[in-house]
C-alpha atoms as a PDB file:
ATOM      1  CA  MET A   1      -4.251 -25.921  -1.418  1.00  0.00           C
ATOM      2  CA  PRO A   2      -1.729 -23.659   0.316  1.00  0.00           C
ATOM      3  CA  SER A   3      -0.101 -20.839  -1.609  1.00  0.00           C
ATOM      4  CA  ALA A   4       3.001 -18.781  -0.997  1.00  0.00           C
ATOM      5  CA  LEU A   5       3.519 -15.087  -1.596  1.00  0.00           C
ATOM      6  CA  ILE A   6       7.053 -13.843  -2.184  1.00  0.00           C
ATOM      7  CA  CYS A   7       7.588 -10.111  -2.630  1.00  0.00           C
ATOM      8  CA  ASP A   8      10.427  -7.749  -3.421  1.00  0.00           C
ATOM      9  CA  VAL A   9      10.464  -3.993  -2.743  1.00  0.00           C
ATOM     10  CA  ARG A  10      10.803  -1.990  -5.945  1.00  0.00           C
ATOM     11  CA  GLY A  11      13.908   0.163  -6.217  1.00  0.00           C
ATOM     12  CA  SER A  12      14.987  -0.346  -2.616  1.00  0.00           C
ATOM     13  CA  ARG A  13      18.607   0.493  -3.460  1.00  0.00           C
ATOM     14  CA  ARG A  14      17.529   3.947  -4.561  1.00  0.00           C
ATOM     15  CA  LEU A  15      15.683   4.715  -1.321  1.00  0.00           C
ATOM     16  CA  ASP A  16      17.449   7.206   0.917  1.00  0.00           C
ATOM     17  CA  ASN A  17      15.186   6.352   3.852  1.00  0.00           C
ATOM     18  CA  TRP A  18      15.486   2.557   3.695  1.00  0.00           C
ATOM     19  CA  PRO A  19      15.763   2.114   7.510  1.00  0.00           C
ATOM     20  CA  GLU A  20      12.419   3.894   7.976  1.00  0.00           C
ATOM     21  CA  VAL A  21      10.840   1.953   5.103  1.00  0.00           C
ATOM     22  CA  PHE A  22      12.138  -1.329   6.524  1.00  0.00           C
ATOM     23  CA  ALA A  23      10.660  -0.505   9.943  1.00  0.00           C
ATOM     24  CA  THR A  24       7.302   0.227   8.292  1.00  0.00           C
ATOM     25  CA  LEU A  25       7.576  -3.032   6.347  1.00  0.00           C
ATOM     26  CA  ARG A  26       8.134  -5.050   9.523  1.00  0.00           C
ATOM     27  CA  ALA A  27       5.179  -3.375  11.226  1.00  0.00           C
ATOM     28  CA  THR A  28       2.976  -3.977   8.168  1.00  0.00           C
ATOM     29  CA  LEU A  29       3.904  -7.665   8.073  1.00  0.00           C
ATOM     30  CA  ASP A  30       3.005  -7.942  11.763  1.00  0.00           C
ATOM     31  CA  GLU A  31      -0.384  -6.393  11.011  1.00  0.00           C
ATOM     32  CA  ALA A  32      -0.913  -8.764   8.067  1.00  0.00           C
ATOM     33  CA  ASN A  33      -0.180 -11.696  10.356  1.00  0.00           C
ATOM     34  CA  ARG A  34      -2.845 -10.458  12.768  1.00  0.00           C
ATOM     35  CA  ARG A  35      -5.422  -9.805  10.042  1.00  0.00           C
ATOM     36  CA  PHE A  36      -4.951 -13.155   8.339  1.00  0.00           C
ATOM     37  CA  ALA A  37      -4.142 -15.247  11.402  1.00  0.00           C
ATOM     38  CA  ASP A  38      -6.965 -17.713  10.689  1.00  0.00           C
ATOM     39  CA  ALA A  39      -5.523 -18.529   7.247  1.00  0.00           C
ATOM     40  CA  LEU A  40      -1.757 -18.396   7.877  1.00  0.00           C
ATOM     41  CA  VAL A  41       0.372 -21.444   7.152  1.00  0.00           C
ATOM     42  CA  ILE A  42       3.679 -19.560   7.381  1.00  0.00           C
ATOM     43  CA  PRO A  43       3.627 -16.051   8.930  1.00  0.00           C
ATOM     44  CA  PHE A  44       4.856 -13.168   6.793  1.00  0.00           C
ATOM     45  CA  HIS A  45       8.452 -12.252   7.551  1.00  0.00           C
ATOM     46  CA  THR A  46      11.422 -10.531   5.960  1.00  0.00           C
ATOM     47  CA  THR A  47      14.093 -12.712   4.410  1.00  0.00           C
ATOM     48  CA  VAL A  48      17.219 -11.366   2.697  1.00  0.00           C
ATOM     49  CA  GLY A  49      17.725  -7.816   1.497  1.00  0.00           C
ATOM     50  CA  ASP A  50      14.420  -6.278   0.525  1.00  0.00           C
ATOM     51  CA  GLU A  51      12.342  -9.470   0.208  1.00  0.00           C
ATOM     52  CA  PHE A  52       9.559 -10.855   2.364  1.00  0.00           C
ATOM     53  CA  GLN A  53       7.294 -13.878   2.176  1.00  0.00           C
ATOM     54  CA  GLY A  54       4.567 -15.902   3.802  1.00  0.00           C
ATOM     55  CA  ALA A  55       1.970 -18.558   3.006  1.00  0.00           C
ATOM     56  CA  LEU A  56      -1.769 -18.955   3.523  1.00  0.00           C
ATOM     57  CA  ASP A  57      -4.201 -21.833   3.224  1.00  0.00           C
ATOM     58  CA  SER A  58      -5.757 -20.793  -0.096  1.00  0.00           C
ATOM     59  CA  PRO A  59      -4.717 -18.701  -3.119  1.00  0.00           C
ATOM     60  CA  ALA A  60      -7.701 -16.349  -2.795  1.00  0.00           C
ATOM     61  CA  ARG A  61      -6.746 -15.500   0.792  1.00  0.00           C
ATOM     62  CA  THR A  62      -3.127 -15.078  -0.278  1.00  0.00           C
ATOM     63  CA  PHE A  63      -4.215 -12.612  -2.951  1.00  0.00           C
ATOM     64  CA  ALA A  64      -6.259 -10.739  -0.328  1.00  0.00           C
ATOM     65  CA  ALA A  65      -3.114 -10.501   1.805  1.00  0.00           C
ATOM     66  CA  TYR A  66      -1.220  -9.188  -1.218  1.00  0.00           C
ATOM     67  CA  THR A  67      -3.731  -6.400  -1.817  1.00  0.00           C
ATOM     68  CA  PHE A  68      -3.556  -5.469   1.889  1.00  0.00           C
ATOM     69  CA  LEU A  69       0.243  -5.315   1.822  1.00  0.00           C
ATOM     70  CA  LYS A  70       0.291  -3.342  -1.419  1.00  0.00           C
ATOM     71  CA  ALA A  71      -2.163  -0.798  -0.021  1.00  0.00           C
ATOM     72  CA  SER A  72      -0.355  -0.486   3.321  1.00  0.00           C
ATOM     73  CA  LEU A  73       3.248  -0.075   2.226  1.00  0.00           C
ATOM     74  CA  PRO A  74       4.710   3.324   1.254  1.00  0.00           C
ATOM     75  CA  VAL A  75       6.700   1.705  -1.569  1.00  0.00           C
ATOM     76  CA  GLY A  76       5.873  -0.431  -4.587  1.00  0.00           C
ATOM     77  CA  ILE A  77       6.419  -4.181  -4.603  1.00  0.00           C
ATOM     78  CA  TYR A  78       6.855  -7.026  -7.067  1.00  0.00           C
ATOM     79  CA  ALA A  79       4.964 -10.186  -6.101  1.00  0.00           C
ATOM     80  CA  GLY A  80       4.913 -13.854  -7.024  1.00  0.00           C
ATOM     81  CA  LEU A  81       2.068 -16.120  -5.896  1.00  0.00           C
ATOM     82  CA  GLY A  82       2.765 -19.850  -6.101  1.00  0.00           C
ATOM     83  CA  LEU A  83       0.390 -22.745  -5.464  1.00  0.00           C
ATOM     84  CA  GLY A  84       1.506 -26.138  -4.195  1.00  0.00           C
ATOM     85  CA  GLY A  85       2.869 -27.976  -1.206  1.00  0.00           C
ATOM     86  CA  ILE A  86       4.722 -26.426   1.722  1.00  0.00           C
ATOM     87  CA  GLU A  87       7.255 -28.148   3.930  1.00  0.00           C
ATOM     88  CA  GLN A  88       6.713 -27.054   7.511  1.00  0.00           C
ATOM     89  CA  PRO A  89       9.824 -25.215   8.728  1.00  0.00           C
ATOM     90  CA  GLY A  90      11.738 -25.817  11.889  1.00  0.00           C
ATOM     91  CA  PRO A  91      12.584 -23.162  14.496  1.00  0.00           C
ATOM     92  CA  GLY A  92      13.518 -19.803  12.987  1.00  0.00           C
ATOM     93  CA  ILE A  93      11.412 -20.172   9.835  1.00  0.00           C
ATOM     94  CA  THR A  94      14.436 -20.263   7.543  1.00  0.00           C
ATOM     95  CA  GLY A  95      15.019 -22.262   4.391  1.00  0.00           C
ATOM     96  CA  LEU A  96      11.335 -22.514   3.497  1.00  0.00           C
ATOM     97  CA  ARG A  97      10.717 -25.260   0.965  1.00  0.00           C
ATOM     98  CA  GLY A  98       7.937 -26.815  -1.056  1.00  0.00           C
ATOM     99  CA  SER A  99       6.456 -26.419  -4.534  1.00  0.00           C
ATOM    100  CA  ALA A 100       4.414 -23.362  -3.475  1.00  0.00           C
ATOM    101  CA  PHE A 101       7.604 -21.450  -2.616  1.00  0.00           C
ATOM    102  CA  TYR A 102       9.464 -22.707  -5.691  1.00  0.00           C
ATOM    103  CA  ARG A 103       6.598 -21.558  -7.922  1.00  0.00           C
ATOM    104  CA  GLY A 104       6.267 -18.305  -6.008  1.00  0.00           C
ATOM    105  CA  ARG A 105       9.948 -17.635  -6.693  1.00  0.00           C
ATOM    106  CA  VAL A 106       9.512 -18.356 -10.413  1.00  0.00           C
ATOM    107  CA  ALA A 107       6.467 -16.070 -10.493  1.00  0.00           C
ATOM    108  CA  LEU A 108       8.351 -13.301  -8.674  1.00  0.00           C
ATOM    109  CA  GLU A 109      11.270 -13.432 -11.100  1.00  0.00           C
ATOM    110  CA  ALA A 110       8.847 -13.258 -14.040  1.00  0.00           C
ATOM    111  CA  CYS A 111       7.113 -10.286 -12.424  1.00  0.00           C
ATOM    112  CA  LYS A 112      10.413  -8.453 -11.948  1.00  0.00           C
ATOM    113  CA  GLU A 113      11.582  -9.202 -15.477  1.00  0.00           C
ATOM    114  CA  GLU A 114       8.307  -7.872 -16.909  1.00  0.00           C
ATOM    115  CA  ARG A 115       8.160  -5.001 -14.391  1.00  0.00           C
ATOM    116  CA  GLY A 116       4.633  -5.991 -13.439  1.00  0.00           C
ATOM    117  CA  LEU A 117       2.744  -6.053 -10.146  1.00  0.00           C
ATOM    118  CA  ILE A 118       2.044  -9.742  -9.528  1.00  0.00           C
ATOM    119  CA  ARG A 119       2.376 -13.070 -11.331  1.00  0.00           C
ATOM    120  CA  VAL A 120       0.723 -16.389 -10.458  1.00  0.00           C
ATOM    121  CA  ASP A 121       2.233 -19.856 -10.969  1.00  0.00           C
ATOM    122  CA  SER A 122      -0.125 -22.763 -10.309  1.00  0.00           C
ATOM    123  CA  GLY A 123       2.216 -25.413 -11.685  1.00  0.00           C
ATOM    124  CA  ARG A 124      -0.407 -26.473 -14.202  1.00  0.00           C
ATOM    125  CA  THR A 125      -0.061 -26.552 -17.954  1.00  0.00           C
ATOM    126  CA  PRO A 126      -1.746 -23.269 -18.918  1.00  0.00           C
ATOM    127  CA  ASP A 127      -5.231 -23.733 -20.316  1.00  0.00           C
ATOM    128  CA  LEU A 128      -7.618 -21.090 -21.594  1.00  0.00           C
ATOM    129  CA  PRO A 129      -8.845 -19.955 -18.116  1.00  0.00           C
ATOM    130  CA  ASP A 130      -5.238 -19.624 -16.934  1.00  0.00           C
ATOM    131  CA  LYS A 131      -4.306 -17.598 -20.005  1.00  0.00           C
ATOM    132  CA  LEU A 132      -7.370 -15.391 -19.612  1.00  0.00           C
ATOM    133  CA  ALA A 133      -6.489 -14.770 -15.939  1.00  0.00           C
ATOM    134  CA  ASP A 134      -2.926 -13.848 -16.890  1.00  0.00           C
ATOM    135  CA  SER A 135      -4.192 -11.461 -19.573  1.00  0.00           C
ATOM    136  CA  LEU A 136      -6.596  -9.923 -17.054  1.00  0.00           C
ATOM    137  CA  VAL A 137      -3.735  -9.244 -14.636  1.00  0.00           C
ATOM    138  CA  ARG A 138      -1.631  -7.611 -17.340  1.00  0.00           C
ATOM    139  CA  LEU A 139      -4.481  -5.377 -18.491  1.00  0.00           C
ATOM    140  CA  TRP A 140      -5.236  -4.213 -14.957  1.00  0.00           C
ATOM    141  CA  GLU A 141      -1.514  -3.612 -14.364  1.00  0.00           C
ATOM    142  CA  SER A 142      -1.375  -1.384 -17.427  1.00  0.00           C
ATOM    143  CA  ILE A 143      -3.911   0.862 -15.710  1.00  0.00           C
ATOM    144  CA  GLU A 144      -2.574   0.755 -12.151  1.00  0.00           C
ATOM    145  CA  LEU A 145       1.049   1.344 -13.095  1.00  0.00           C
ATOM    146  CA  LYS A 146       0.022   4.705 -14.589  1.00  0.00           C
ATOM    147  CA  TRP A 147      -1.684   5.986 -11.446  1.00  0.00           C
ATOM    148  CA  THR A 148      -0.473   9.258 -10.018  1.00  0.00           C
ATOM    149  CA  SER A 149       0.743   9.358  -6.432  1.00  0.00           C
ATOM    150  CA  ARG A 150      -2.549  11.011  -5.460  1.00  0.00           C
ATOM    151  CA  GLN A 151      -4.647   8.336  -7.143  1.00  0.00           C
ATOM    152  CA  ARG A 152      -2.581   5.625  -5.497  1.00  0.00           C
ATOM    153  CA  GLU A 153      -2.895   7.274  -2.080  1.00  0.00           C
ATOM    154  CA  VAL A 154      -6.680   7.578  -2.307  1.00  0.00           C
ATOM    155  CA  ILE A 155      -7.228   4.067  -3.666  1.00  0.00           C
ATOM    156  CA  SER A 156      -4.880   2.524  -1.115  1.00  0.00           C
ATOM    157  CA  ARG A 157      -7.034   4.032   1.633  1.00  0.00           C
ATOM    158  CA  PHE A 158     -10.136   2.672  -0.108  1.00  0.00           C
ATOM    159  CA  ARG A 159      -8.559  -0.808  -0.306  1.00  0.00           C
ATOM    160  CA  LEU A 160      -7.856  -0.785   3.424  1.00  0.00           C
ATOM    161  CA  HIS A 161     -11.383   0.383   4.262  1.00  0.00           C
ATOM    162  CA  PRO A 162     -13.725  -1.182   1.674  1.00  0.00           C
ATOM    163  CA  ASP A 163     -16.706  -0.610   3.976  1.00  0.00           C
ATOM    164  CA  TRP A 164     -16.258   3.168   3.887  1.00  0.00           C
ATOM    165  CA  LYS A 165     -18.689   5.249   1.895  1.00  0.00           C
ATOM    166  CA  GLN A 166     -17.224   7.762  -0.522  1.00  0.00           C
ATOM    167  CA  SER A 167     -18.366  10.594   1.731  1.00  0.00           C
ATOM    168  CA  LYS A 168     -16.134   9.321   4.554  1.00  0.00           C
ATOM    169  CA  LEU A 169     -13.201   8.760   2.211  1.00  0.00           C
ATOM    170  CA  ALA A 170     -13.560  12.286   0.843  1.00  0.00           C
ATOM    171  CA  GLU A 171     -13.634  13.635   4.388  1.00  0.00           C
ATOM    172  CA  GLN A 172     -10.377  11.816   5.213  1.00  0.00           C
ATOM    173  CA  PHE A 173      -8.635  13.663   2.383  1.00  0.00           C
ATOM    174  CA  SER A 174     -10.431  16.978   2.968  1.00  0.00           C
ATOM    175  CA  ILE A 175     -11.861  16.986  -0.538  1.00  0.00           C
ATOM    176  CA  SER A 176     -15.391  17.091  -1.916  1.00  0.00           C
ATOM    177  CA  GLU A 177     -17.229  13.976  -3.066  1.00  0.00           C
ATOM    178  CA  PRO A 178     -17.274  15.183  -6.703  1.00  0.00           C
ATOM    179  CA  THR A 179     -13.489  15.618  -6.538  1.00  0.00           C
ATOM    180  CA  LEU A 180     -13.118  12.126  -5.081  1.00  0.00           C
ATOM    181  CA  SER A 181     -15.332  10.698  -7.813  1.00  0.00           C
ATOM    182  CA  ARG A 182     -13.161  12.349 -10.459  1.00  0.00           C
ATOM    183  CA  ILE A 183     -10.014  10.854  -8.921  1.00  0.00           C
ATOM    184  CA  LEU A 184     -11.523   7.358  -8.866  1.00  0.00           C
ATOM    185  CA  ARG A 185     -12.963   7.705 -12.361  1.00  0.00           C
ATOM    186  CA  SER A 186      -9.713   8.944 -13.912  1.00  0.00           C
ATOM    187  CA  ALA A 187      -7.870   6.041 -12.249  1.00  0.00           C
ATOM    188  CA  ARG A 188     -10.426   3.583 -13.729  1.00  0.00           C
ATOM    189  CA  TRP A 189     -10.857   2.186 -10.232  1.00  0.00           C
ATOM    190  CA  ASP A 190     -14.118   0.468 -11.178  1.00  0.00           C
ATOM    191  CA  LEU A 191     -12.337  -1.595 -13.831  1.00  0.00           C
ATOM    192  CA  VAL A 192      -9.362  -2.422 -11.609  1.00  0.00           C
ATOM    193  CA  LYS A 193     -11.610  -3.468  -8.732  1.00  0.00           C
ATOM    194  CA  ASP A 194     -13.700  -5.635 -11.053  1.00  0.00           C
ATOM    195  CA  ALA A 195     -10.521  -7.268 -12.372  1.00  0.00           C
ATOM    196  CA  GLU A 196      -9.327  -7.976  -8.828  1.00  0.00           C
ATOM    197  CA  ASN A 197     -12.688  -9.501  -7.905  1.00  0.00           C
ATOM    198  CA  THR A 198     -12.598 -11.669 -11.021  1.00  0.00           C
ATOM    199  CA  LEU A 199      -9.063 -12.852 -10.235  1.00  0.00           C
ATOM    200  CA  THR A 200     -10.142 -13.683  -6.680  1.00  0.00           C
ATOM    201  CA  GLN A 201     -12.987 -15.814  -8.036  1.00  0.00           C
ATOM    202  CA  TYR A 202     -10.602 -17.498 -10.482  1.00  0.00           C
ATOM    203  CA  LEU A 203      -8.192 -18.353  -7.641  1.00  0.00           C
ATOM    204  CA  THR A 204     -11.082 -19.675  -5.541  1.00  0.00           C
ATOM    205  CA  ASP A 205     -12.259 -21.892  -8.394  1.00  0.00           C
ATOM    206  CA  LEU A 206      -8.708 -23.037  -9.069  1.00  0.00           C
ATOM    207  CA  HIS A 207      -8.225 -23.953  -5.419  1.00  0.00           C
ATOM    208  CA  GLU A 208     -11.402 -26.036  -5.438  1.00  0.00           C
ATOM    209  CA  LYS A 209     -10.458 -27.729  -8.714  1.00  0.00           C
ATOM    210  CA  ILE A 210      -6.961 -28.675  -7.556  1.00  0.00           C
ATOM    211  CA  SER A 211      -8.246 -29.819  -4.153  1.00  0.00           C
ATOM    212  CA  LEU A 212     -10.669 -32.354  -5.696  1.00  0.00           C
END
């Protein structure tokens, strides 16, 4: 089942360098479209103000695109991931419609209201697995939202290069491996990464269940 991702830049009105941030955002969306070209249903693109959106062929791949965008952008984002149908757009990719985008919008508004990182709306009546997944997201957010700028910088680089060994990551930041380990440990990166992997598996299972 396709899924849409709708995002909003946090605090864009307070950014003095919005033109530079917007240029980086456009370049990052272009890179996301290249990286996830095999799964794209609707390419990522900016919409109005500080929002952007796109759609992929499965929720797990959409979540992977979200983590890439979050790690690549120099600003924080709110995100809503919605599952459902997508009406193919005409020329210009404007006025995107379909239940995936409607649910993505609902999820985004909930995320902004709760000042979270991401919310998921599958359109289903929440059952225990759905509630557990939502609780998992909120617990991991409570950790990530407290990261220092240094922790966020290091982990963002790790997200973009998951194949790197810690020695190479430490070298990129001109720090020792013990120092890098302390940064990752204090950020509880092992728990956050495990939570993200669990959510990815949940979205994969959900996709298969809905597709039956």
